[in-house]
Protein backbone atom coordinates (compact mmCIF):
# COMPACT_ATOMS: atom_id res chain seq x y z
CA UNK A 1 18.60 106.28 -147.51
CA UNK A 2 17.31 109.54 -146.23
CA UNK A 3 13.63 109.74 -145.61
CA UNK A 4 11.66 112.82 -146.35
CA UNK A 5 9.49 114.57 -143.76
CA UNK A 6 6.37 113.57 -145.71
CA UNK A 7 7.37 109.88 -145.47
CA UNK A 8 7.77 110.20 -141.73
CA UNK A 9 4.28 111.81 -141.42
CA UNK A 10 2.73 109.11 -143.56
CA UNK A 11 4.34 106.34 -141.51
CA UNK A 12 2.88 108.04 -138.26
CA UNK A 13 -0.57 108.07 -139.84
CA UNK A 14 -0.14 104.35 -140.78
CA UNK A 15 0.69 103.55 -137.20
CA UNK A 16 -2.32 105.49 -135.75
CA UNK A 17 -4.71 103.66 -137.90
CA UNK A 18 -5.22 99.98 -138.10
CA UNK A 19 -3.47 98.06 -140.80
CA UNK A 20 -6.87 96.43 -141.67
CA UNK A 21 -8.36 99.66 -142.96
CA UNK A 22 -7.71 100.43 -146.65
CA UNK A 23 -5.16 103.08 -147.49
CA UNK A 24 -7.88 105.01 -149.21
CA UNK A 25 -9.91 105.20 -145.86
CA UNK A 26 -6.86 106.69 -143.93
CA UNK A 27 -6.43 110.39 -143.82
CA UNK A 28 -3.54 111.58 -145.97
CA UNK A 29 -0.99 114.26 -145.31
CA UNK A 30 -2.31 116.26 -148.17
CA UNK A 31 -5.77 116.40 -146.48
CA UNK A 32 -4.16 117.64 -143.33
CA UNK A 33 -2.74 120.64 -145.25
CA UNK A 34 0.90 119.43 -144.95
CA UNK A 35 3.06 119.91 -147.94
CA UNK A 36 6.76 119.23 -148.40
CA UNK A 37 8.66 122.28 -147.24
CA UNK A 38 5.41 123.55 -145.50
CA UNK A 39 6.02 126.47 -143.13
CA UNK A 40 3.28 127.44 -140.78
CA UNK A 41 1.95 130.92 -141.10
CA UNK A 42 2.39 133.17 -138.10
CA UNK A 43 -0.53 134.90 -136.51
CA UNK A 44 -0.77 138.71 -136.28
CA UNK A 45 0.84 138.80 -132.84
CA UNK A 46 3.90 136.86 -134.00
CA UNK A 47 4.06 138.95 -137.12
CA UNK A 48 4.02 142.15 -135.06
CA UNK A 49 6.65 140.83 -132.69
CA UNK A 50 8.91 139.73 -135.63
CA UNK A 51 8.53 143.26 -137.13
CA UNK A 52 9.43 144.84 -133.89
CA UNK A 53 12.46 142.59 -133.49
CA UNK A 54 13.65 143.44 -136.99
CA UNK A 55 13.23 147.11 -136.33
CA UNK A 56 15.07 147.00 -133.05
CA UNK A 57 17.95 144.97 -134.64
CA UNK A 58 18.16 147.52 -137.39
CA UNK A 59 18.27 150.49 -134.91
CA UNK A 60 20.85 148.58 -132.76
CA UNK A 61 23.11 147.71 -135.79
CA UNK A 62 22.92 151.35 -137.01
CA UNK A 63 23.87 152.66 -133.63
CA UNK A 64 26.68 150.12 -133.27
CA UNK A 65 28.21 151.16 -136.69
CA UNK A 66 27.88 154.88 -135.77
CA UNK A 67 29.63 154.20 -132.43
CA UNK A 68 32.47 152.22 -134.12
CA UNK A 69 32.93 154.95 -136.80
CA UNK A 70 33.13 157.63 -134.03
CA UNK A 71 35.54 155.50 -131.97
CA UNK A 72 37.83 155.06 -134.98
CA UNK A 73 37.92 158.79 -135.66
CA UNK A 74 38.61 159.63 -132.04
CA UNK A 75 41.38 156.98 -131.82
CA UNK A 76 43.05 158.37 -134.93
CA UNK A 77 42.89 161.84 -133.38
CA UNK A 78 44.31 160.59 -130.15
CA UNK A 79 47.17 158.75 -131.86
CA UNK A 80 48.00 161.79 -133.95
CA UNK A 81 48.05 164.04 -130.84
CA UNK A 82 50.25 161.62 -129.00
CA UNK A 83 52.64 161.50 -131.97
CA UNK A 84 52.79 165.31 -132.07
CA UNK A 85 53.49 165.35 -128.33
CA UNK A 86 56.28 162.91 -128.62
CA UNK A 87 57.83 164.91 -131.49
CA UNK A 88 57.61 168.08 -129.50
CA UNK A 89 59.17 166.40 -126.43
CA UNK A 90 62.18 165.34 -128.64
CA UNK A 91 62.79 168.93 -129.69
CA UNK A 92 62.74 170.47 -126.16
CA UNK A 93 66.19 170.23 -124.59
CA UNK A 94 66.39 168.47 -121.27
CA UNK A 95 67.10 170.83 -118.38
CA UNK A 96 69.79 169.79 -115.93
CA UNK A 97 68.70 169.17 -112.48
CA UNK A 98 69.74 171.98 -110.16
CA UNK A 99 70.67 171.61 -106.54
CA UNK A 100 68.51 173.26 -104.07
CA UNK A 101 70.38 175.24 -101.64
CA UNK A 102 69.50 174.74 -98.01
CA UNK A 103 69.57 177.69 -95.81
CA UNK A 104 71.77 177.46 -92.85
CA UNK A 105 69.96 177.30 -89.62
CA UNK A 106 70.12 180.51 -87.68
CA UNK A 107 71.61 179.94 -84.32
CA UNK A 108 70.72 182.38 -81.54
CA UNK A 109 73.73 184.04 -80.04
């Protein structure tokens, strides 16, 4: 059996107060402001920090997407240029290697 969070809080309250006192004299979790699924509200500093974090993430994600798009365009252009260079290299005939002629050393007579 899974216990809900409110049951756990109520058990804690029961442990803190003596068993002799009536249940109606013990504080209840509703009186403490706790509700099932309760989320604490953030103060203005936390709200400002969260907003700043969201804005920075949005800017960073946008910059990342732009960088990746630019990289893809440049990669495609480079691959196309390399393919054209390979095709041009196939069409150019290979030159035969020529021998270099050494000049005969001049001997003084």
